[in-house]
Structures are given as C-alpha cells and as structure tokens.
Amino acid sequence: MTEVTQLSPQSILVLGAGELGLPVLRNLARVAKRAPGSTISVLLRDSTINTQVPEKKVEIDELRDLGIQMVAADLVNNSIDQLAEVFARFDTVIGCAGMVAGRETPMKLATAALKSGVKRYFPWQFGVDFEVIGRGSPQDLFDAQLDVRELLRAQDKTEWVIISTGMFTSFLFEPVFEVVDFENDTVNALGSLETSVTLTTPEDIGALTAEIVFFEPRFRDQIVYLSGDTVTYGEVASLLERVLGRPFKRNVWTVPYLLQELERDPTHHIKKYRAVFAQGRGVAWPKAGTFNAQQSTQVTTAEEWARANLATSSA
C-alpha cells in the first residue's frame, strides 16, 4: 500500500492511553491523514483528562495536539449500558486498557461493544494465542479471554479483529519476570533452551495496529499475527552476550519445576505466566507469516531492542 492511496474514513474510539494505547493513538492519528474525514477519540476517566500530574498532562496535551478527541467515561465504574451508549457513537472501538479491573473487564467491554451495535471491535487481546493455549492453562486469566472470543464468534452483527503480538519485548528483560537475571548474568530458559517466544514492542504494535485498522480489503472476524521477533531462550542468551560483551549462563526451568513453583504460590501472576510460556504452545509463531512480514514492515528485533535499551543502562 502506498502513501497516496486514499482510505475510507472511520470514527475510531481507543479505550485507554497507557503503554499500548499511546502508540496506537499516535499512529492512528498519522494513518488517519490518508483517510480524510476520519476522527480518532480516546476514552479516559474524567480525572485523567483533567489531570495536573505533569507527566500525564504532557501526554494528554500531546494527544490534543494530534487532534484526538477526549471522551470521559469509566470502564470500571460505568455500567455495560452506559458504555454501550458511548461506543455507539463510533464505527470502530479498540481495547487498549488491559485488565484494568481484573478478569471481568474484557467480557464487560465486549458485551458493551456488541450491545452498542458498533461496526467493528478490537478486543484487548494483544498478546498470546489463547485458543492454541486452550482452557485450563496455568494462567486462569486466559480463560476469560477465551470467553470473549466465544462471545464474538457467536454473533454476526459486529465484526471483530484480534491482534496477536506475543509478549511485549521489554517484559522478557524485566527483573520481575526473572528470565534474564542480570545480577548473575544468567538466562533462565522457560521450558527448555529451544522453547520459543514471540516478542513485539508496543511502538511496533501501535504502528501495525493503525495499518490493520485502515487496511483495505478490510480485516473482518479474524486473528492477525504480528512478530517483532521470534526467538528461543538459547538465542536470548547469545544475543545478550553479543550486546553486553560478557558471558551469560544458561539455566533451564522445566515445565514440572515451574508448575511446582506455582502450586506453592497459586495466586502469583508472574509464576502463572512463566508456566504458560514454558509450555511453549500459542506463545510463539514464525515471523514469516505475520502481517508485518507480508507488508515488509520494518520492526524491532529483540537484539535491536537490547542494543537500544540495555547496552547503555549496563555500561
């Protein structure tokens, strides 16, 4: 698709302006210029729109400067009917609020979207492929996401698009995840050194989501896959050695070990995620078949991310 192609106008509402919402909004504002007559709005709490917190205020001012309209509502405290009334004013609703109020939120928002009669709904499913993982996985939140998929598939009034992105690239390197232990220069491989994980940065997800929203022929009732990179944990150790110029030990946390850890601490969110990723199902897919590969879009690899974010901080 070339820059000169004029696209069909849409009125779009993005739910939330956090780690993913901001890049999605910035890129929608950019791509919308190719679809004259389009409007981009963001749903935020009244207190956020009128915030006096300096960092947040900078973000709100930036969104206003981009021509993005503010819509005041509360995903947690408003009822399904109240949210449906808001959603009904738009063609497309994109969920970027994460699990703001726990596992009930995704179903509440999907129900409101269907009730509103909105033409197209992108649920908050920017992550792993829940269907491949299946029900009853170590991360019980995933079952709530499967409920949303079943609800959307069971109707034909509202089109839906799910964007599967794998893990946010930065999360793999977060100390809290404990896969990369910088203090001991060790990679704790989930499952095995050959187990793969798909990683995409929120910036790339934002740029690609904006393209997917406006893409023609239009995406309908389907899952679109993205991948900034798909790497094994063994490859992660090697790229850290290249980027940081020092050796990294390779340790394996097997599935039985991680399930045992979870049994000891059954409500620990991170331990749930580690066990699911160790099983290796629905958490990685080849980069070749993804939307970004098909469109020949440049995306950030794990090594590029590490060079930009780790090389400086640990120097």
Protein backbone atom coordinates (compact mmCIF):
# COMPACT_ATOMS: atom_id res chain seq x y z
CA MET A 1 0.00 0.00 0.00
CA THR A 2 1.47 3.37 -0.98
CA GLU A 3 1.08 6.62 0.90
CA VAL A 4 -1.08 8.10 -1.87
CA THR A 5 -3.91 5.56 -1.52
CA GLN A 6 -6.92 7.33 -0.06
CA LEU A 7 -8.61 5.16 2.56
CA SER A 8 -12.21 5.03 3.77
CA PRO A 9 -12.91 7.36 6.70
CA GLN A 10 -13.69 5.88 10.11
CA SER A 11 -14.61 7.23 13.52
CA ILE A 12 -12.45 5.35 16.00
CA LEU A 13 -12.53 5.15 19.79
CA VAL A 14 -9.49 3.82 21.66
CA LEU A 15 -10.05 2.62 25.23
CA GLY A 16 -7.13 3.79 27.36
CA ALA A 17 -3.86 5.65 26.74
CA GLY A 18 -1.25 3.61 28.57
CA GLU A 19 1.78 1.62 27.43
CA LEU A 20 -0.04 0.34 24.33
CA GLY A 21 -2.84 2.92 23.99
CA LEU A 22 -0.45 5.84 23.42
CA PRO A 23 1.45 4.27 20.49
CA VAL A 24 -1.84 3.09 18.98
CA LEU A 25 -3.31 6.61 19.23
CA ARG A 26 -0.20 8.33 17.83
CA ASN A 27 -0.15 6.01 14.82
CA LEU A 28 -3.91 6.16 14.20
CA ALA A 29 -3.63 9.96 14.06
CA ARG A 30 -0.83 9.57 11.49
CA VAL A 31 -2.56 6.96 9.28
CA ALA A 32 -5.94 8.74 9.54
CA LYS A 33 -4.48 11.54 7.38
CA ARG A 34 -4.72 9.08 4.48
CA ALA A 35 -8.45 8.67 5.22
CA PRO A 36 -9.86 12.24 5.17
CA GLY A 37 -12.93 12.65 7.37
CA SER A 38 -11.68 10.16 9.98
CA THR A 39 -11.83 11.02 13.67
CA ILE A 40 -9.79 9.50 16.48
CA SER A 41 -11.03 9.65 20.08
CA VAL A 42 -9.74 8.23 23.35
CA LEU A 43 -11.84 7.12 26.31
CA LEU A 44 -10.35 8.17 29.64
CA ARG A 45 -11.57 8.87 33.14
CA ASP A 46 -12.52 12.48 33.76
CA SER A 47 -9.74 12.70 36.38
CA THR A 48 -7.17 11.63 33.76
CA ILE A 49 -8.41 14.12 31.14
CA ASN A 50 -8.13 16.97 33.68
CA THR A 51 -5.01 15.69 35.41
CA GLN A 52 -2.50 18.05 36.94
CA VAL A 53 0.17 15.32 37.18
CA PRO A 54 2.95 16.76 35.00
CA GLU A 55 3.94 13.56 33.07
CA LYS A 56 0.33 12.61 32.41
CA LYS A 57 -0.55 16.19 31.43
CA VAL A 58 2.21 16.14 28.80
CA GLU A 59 0.62 13.02 27.27
CA ILE A 60 -2.90 14.49 27.29
CA ASP A 61 -1.62 17.72 25.68
CA GLU A 62 0.20 15.69 23.03
CA LEU A 63 -2.99 13.77 22.19
CA ARG A 64 -4.97 17.01 21.92
CA ASP A 65 -2.27 18.46 19.62
CA LEU A 66 -2.67 15.38 17.40
CA GLY A 67 -6.35 16.26 17.05
CA ILE A 68 -7.50 13.35 19.20
CA GLN A 69 -10.80 13.97 20.98
CA MET A 70 -11.28 13.18 24.67
CA VAL A 71 -14.27 11.08 25.76
CA ALA A 72 -14.89 10.90 29.50
CA ALA A 73 -16.12 7.55 30.83
CA ASP A 74 -15.03 4.91 33.33
CA LEU A 75 -14.52 1.34 32.15
CA VAL A 76 -14.62 0.06 35.71
CA ASN A 77 -17.47 2.02 37.28
CA ASN A 78 -19.77 2.68 34.32
CA SER A 79 -22.38 0.03 33.56
CA ILE A 80 -22.48 -2.02 30.35
CA ASP A 81 -25.43 0.11 29.17
CA GLN A 82 -23.58 3.37 29.87
CA LEU A 83 -20.51 2.14 27.98
CA ALA A 84 -22.65 0.84 25.09
CA GLU A 85 -24.16 4.31 24.75
CA VAL A 86 -20.66 5.79 24.41
CA PHE A 87 -19.41 3.09 22.00
CA ALA A 88 -22.49 3.54 19.75
CA ARG A 89 -21.15 6.91 18.53
CA PHE A 90 -18.21 5.23 16.74
CA ASP A 91 -17.55 2.85 13.84
CA THR A 92 -14.60 1.11 15.47
CA VAL A 93 -13.70 0.51 19.13
CA ILE A 94 -10.18 -0.64 20.07
CA GLY A 95 -9.49 -2.00 23.56
CA CYS A 96 -6.12 -0.84 24.90
CA ALA A 97 -6.92 -0.74 28.61
CA GLY A 98 -5.58 -4.16 29.60
CA MET A 99 -7.14 -5.95 32.54
CA VAL A 100 -7.96 -2.70 34.32
CA ALA A 101 -10.33 -4.21 36.83
CA GLY A 102 -9.34 -7.84 36.77
CA ARG A 103 -10.70 -10.71 34.75
CA GLU A 104 -14.27 -9.38 34.34
CA THR A 105 -13.27 -6.33 32.30
CA PRO A 106 -12.69 -7.99 28.89
CA MET A 107 -16.15 -9.61 28.94
CA LYS A 108 -17.82 -6.43 30.19
CA LEU A 109 -16.28 -4.37 27.36
CA ALA A 110 -17.06 -6.97 24.68
CA THR A 111 -20.68 -7.14 25.87
CA ALA A 112 -20.92 -3.33 25.76
CA ALA A 113 -19.40 -3.31 22.25
CA LEU A 114 -21.95 -5.83 20.93
CA LYS A 115 -24.81 -4.04 22.67
CA SER A 116 -23.72 -0.72 21.13
CA GLY A 117 -24.01 -2.07 17.58
CA VAL A 118 -20.51 -0.75 16.78
CA LYS A 119 -19.37 -1.95 13.31
CA ARG A 120 -16.01 -3.35 14.40
CA TYR A 121 -14.40 -4.25 17.72
CA PHE A 122 -10.74 -4.94 18.51
CA PRO A 123 -10.72 -6.54 21.98
CA TRP A 124 -7.77 -6.25 24.37
CA GLN A 125 -6.11 -9.47 23.15
CA PHE A 126 -2.72 -8.05 22.20
CA GLY A 127 -0.71 -10.99 23.41
CA VAL A 128 -0.60 -14.75 23.02
CA ASP A 129 -2.88 -17.05 21.04
CA PHE A 130 -5.36 -18.08 23.73
CA GLU A 131 -7.08 -20.72 21.57
CA VAL A 132 -3.87 -22.63 20.92
CA ILE A 133 -3.09 -22.49 24.64
CA GLY A 134 -6.61 -23.72 25.42
CA ARG A 135 -8.72 -23.66 28.57
CA GLY A 136 -7.43 -24.59 32.00
CA SER A 137 -3.89 -23.27 31.44
CA PRO A 138 -1.73 -22.20 34.40
CA GLN A 139 -2.79 -18.57 33.71
CA ASP A 140 -6.52 -18.56 34.55
CA LEU A 141 -6.94 -15.02 33.13
CA PHE A 142 -6.60 -16.57 29.68
CA ASP A 143 -9.91 -18.42 30.11
CA ALA A 144 -11.64 -15.03 30.44
CA GLN A 145 -10.12 -14.06 27.08
CA LEU A 146 -11.44 -17.29 25.52
CA ASP A 147 -14.93 -16.40 26.82
CA VAL A 148 -14.65 -13.10 24.90
CA ARG A 149 -13.65 -14.92 21.70
CA GLU A 150 -16.62 -17.27 22.01
CA LEU A 151 -18.98 -14.33 22.54
CA LEU A 152 -17.64 -12.53 19.45
CA ARG A 153 -17.69 -15.66 17.27
CA ALA A 154 -21.30 -16.43 18.29
CA GLN A 155 -22.70 -13.28 16.65
CA ASP A 156 -22.55 -11.67 13.21
CA LYS A 157 -23.59 -8.04 13.76
CA THR A 158 -20.25 -6.65 14.94
CA GLU A 159 -17.07 -7.52 13.06
CA TRP A 160 -14.10 -8.33 15.29
CA VAL A 161 -10.36 -8.37 14.78
CA ILE A 162 -7.87 -9.86 17.24
CA ILE A 163 -4.22 -8.85 17.00
CA SER A 164 -1.83 -11.46 18.41
CA THR A 165 1.53 -9.91 19.25
CA GLY A 166 3.22 -12.30 21.65
CA MET A 167 4.90 -10.73 24.67
CA PHE A 168 5.87 -7.05 24.86
CA THR A 169 9.61 -7.18 24.09
CA SER A 170 10.64 -5.23 27.20
CA PHE A 171 8.80 -7.65 29.51
CA LEU A 172 11.18 -10.50 28.63
CA PHE A 173 14.02 -8.46 30.16
CA GLU A 174 12.09 -7.19 33.23
CA PRO A 175 13.73 -8.21 36.52
CA VAL A 176 10.29 -9.21 37.88
CA PHE A 177 9.92 -11.88 35.13
CA GLU A 178 13.28 -13.39 36.20
CA VAL A 179 14.00 -14.94 32.80
CA VAL A 180 17.01 -12.64 32.44
CA ASP A 181 18.91 -12.38 35.70
CA PHE A 182 21.37 -9.54 35.10
CA GLU A 183 22.87 -9.72 38.59
CA ASN A 184 24.05 -13.28 37.99
CA ASP A 185 24.41 -12.99 34.18
CA THR A 186 22.04 -15.91 33.70
CA VAL A 187 19.16 -16.67 31.34
CA ASN A 188 16.54 -18.89 32.98
CA ALA A 189 15.01 -20.60 29.94
CA LEU A 190 11.29 -21.33 30.31
CA GLY A 191 10.71 -25.00 29.42
CA SER A 192 13.95 -25.50 27.50
CA LEU A 193 16.65 -23.57 25.65
CA GLU A 194 14.82 -24.47 22.41
CA THR A 195 11.42 -23.14 23.55
CA SER A 196 10.43 -20.06 21.51
CA VAL A 197 8.68 -16.82 22.39
CA THR A 198 7.29 -14.13 20.07
CA LEU A 199 8.15 -10.55 21.07
CA THR A 200 6.84 -7.23 19.73
CA THR A 201 7.39 -3.70 21.08
CA PRO A 202 4.34 -1.53 21.92
CA GLU A 203 5.66 1.05 19.40
CA ASP A 204 5.60 -1.55 16.60
CA ILE A 205 2.20 -2.85 17.74
CA GLY A 206 0.88 0.74 17.63
CA ALA A 207 2.17 1.33 14.09
CA LEU A 208 0.93 -2.04 12.79
CA THR A 209 -2.46 -1.78 14.53
CA ALA A 210 -3.09 1.57 12.83
CA GLU A 211 -2.31 -0.02 9.44
CA ILE A 212 -4.57 -3.01 10.22
CA VAL A 213 -7.48 -0.74 11.26
CA PHE A 214 -7.40 1.15 7.95
CA PHE A 215 -6.19 -1.74 5.78
CA GLU A 216 -8.13 -2.50 2.60
CA PRO A 217 -9.53 -5.02 1.88
CA ARG A 218 -10.78 -4.74 5.42
CA PHE A 219 -9.93 -7.33 8.09
CA ARG A 220 -13.09 -9.00 9.40
CA ASP A 221 -13.69 -11.68 12.01
CA GLN A 222 -10.11 -12.88 12.08
CA ILE A 223 -6.88 -13.08 14.03
CA VAL A 224 -3.94 -11.10 12.65
CA TYR A 225 -0.47 -12.13 13.81
CA LEU A 226 2.45 -9.78 14.42
CA SER A 227 6.03 -10.56 15.42
CA GLY A 228 8.87 -8.16 16.08
CA ASP A 229 10.97 -11.27 16.67
CA THR A 230 10.50 -14.94 17.47
CA VAL A 231 13.45 -16.29 19.45
CA THR A 232 14.41 -19.26 21.59
CA TYR A 233 15.68 -18.71 25.13
CA GLY A 234 19.05 -20.04 23.96
CA GLU A 235 19.13 -17.29 21.33
CA VAL A 236 18.25 -14.72 24.01
CA ALA A 237 21.37 -15.73 25.98
CA SER A 238 23.51 -15.44 22.82
CA LEU A 239 22.16 -12.00 21.87
CA LEU A 240 22.79 -10.73 25.42
CA GLU A 241 26.40 -11.93 25.14
CA ARG A 242 26.79 -10.05 21.83
CA VAL A 243 25.13 -6.86 23.09
CA LEU A 244 26.70 -6.70 26.55
CA GLY A 245 30.04 -8.32 25.69
CA ARG A 246 30.09 -10.74 28.60
CA PRO A 247 29.15 -14.41 29.04
CA PHE A 248 25.67 -15.45 30.19
CA LYS A 249 25.00 -18.76 31.92
CA ARG A 250 22.09 -20.82 30.59
CA ASN A 251 19.79 -22.38 33.14
CA VAL A 252 16.57 -24.29 32.34
CA TRP A 253 13.37 -24.01 34.37
CA THR A 254 11.41 -27.08 33.24
CA VAL A 255 7.61 -27.17 33.00
CA PRO A 256 7.31 -29.56 36.02
CA TYR A 257 9.56 -27.26 38.08
CA LEU A 258 7.51 -24.15 37.18
CA LEU A 259 4.18 -25.91 37.85
CA GLN A 260 5.53 -26.99 41.23
CA GLU A 261 6.58 -23.38 41.95
CA LEU A 262 3.06 -22.24 41.04
CA GLU A 263 1.48 -24.88 43.30
CA ARG A 264 3.42 -23.41 46.21
CA ASP A 265 2.20 -19.92 45.37
CA PRO A 266 -1.05 -20.37 43.36
CA THR A 267 -2.05 -16.69 43.13
CA HIS A 268 1.35 -15.43 41.90
CA HIS A 269 0.69 -13.79 38.50
CA ILE A 270 4.25 -13.95 37.21
CA LYS A 271 4.55 -17.65 38.10
CA LYS A 272 1.35 -18.30 36.11
CA TYR A 273 2.81 -16.54 33.07
CA ARG A 274 6.15 -18.35 33.37
CA ALA A 275 4.42 -21.76 33.44
CA VAL A 276 2.33 -20.94 30.33
CA PHE A 277 5.30 -19.63 28.36
CA ALA A 278 7.35 -22.69 29.36
CA GLN A 279 4.72 -24.97 27.81
CA GLY A 280 5.50 -23.21 24.52
CA ARG A 281 2.02 -23.51 22.96
CA GLY A 282 0.38 -20.41 21.48
CA VAL A 283 3.17 -18.12 22.69
CA ALA A 284 5.29 -18.14 19.52
CA TRP A 285 4.75 -18.25 15.77
CA PRO A 286 7.07 -17.88 12.77
CA LYS A 287 7.73 -14.29 11.77
CA ALA A 288 7.31 -15.24 8.09
CA GLY A 289 3.50 -15.50 8.13
CA THR A 290 2.84 -12.31 10.09
CA PHE A 291 1.17 -9.12 8.88
CA ASN A 292 4.42 -7.16 9.27
CA ALA A 293 6.34 -9.71 7.17
CA GLN A 294 3.64 -9.75 4.47
CA GLN A 295 3.74 -5.93 4.32
CA SER A 296 7.57 -5.85 4.52
CA THR A 297 7.28 -3.50 7.52
CA GLN A 298 10.47 -2.90 9.50
CA VAL A 299 10.07 -4.00 13.12
CA THR A 300 12.38 -4.04 16.13
CA THR A 301 14.12 -7.34 16.79
CA ALA A 302 14.99 -8.50 20.31
CA GLU A 303 18.65 -7.73 19.66
CA GLU A 304 17.90 -4.23 18.36
CA TRP A 305 15.75 -3.59 21.44
CA ALA A 306 18.55 -4.82 23.71
CA ARG A 307 21.14 -2.64 21.96
CA ALA A 308 18.93 0.43 22.37
CA ASN A 309 17.83 -0.23 25.96
CA LEU A 310 20.34 -2.48 27.72
CA ALA A 311 23.75 -1.61 26.29
CA THR A 312 23.55 1.94 27.66
CA SER A 313 21.97 1.13 31.03
CA SER A 314 24.51 -1.52 31.99
CA ALA A 315 27.58 0.19 30.56
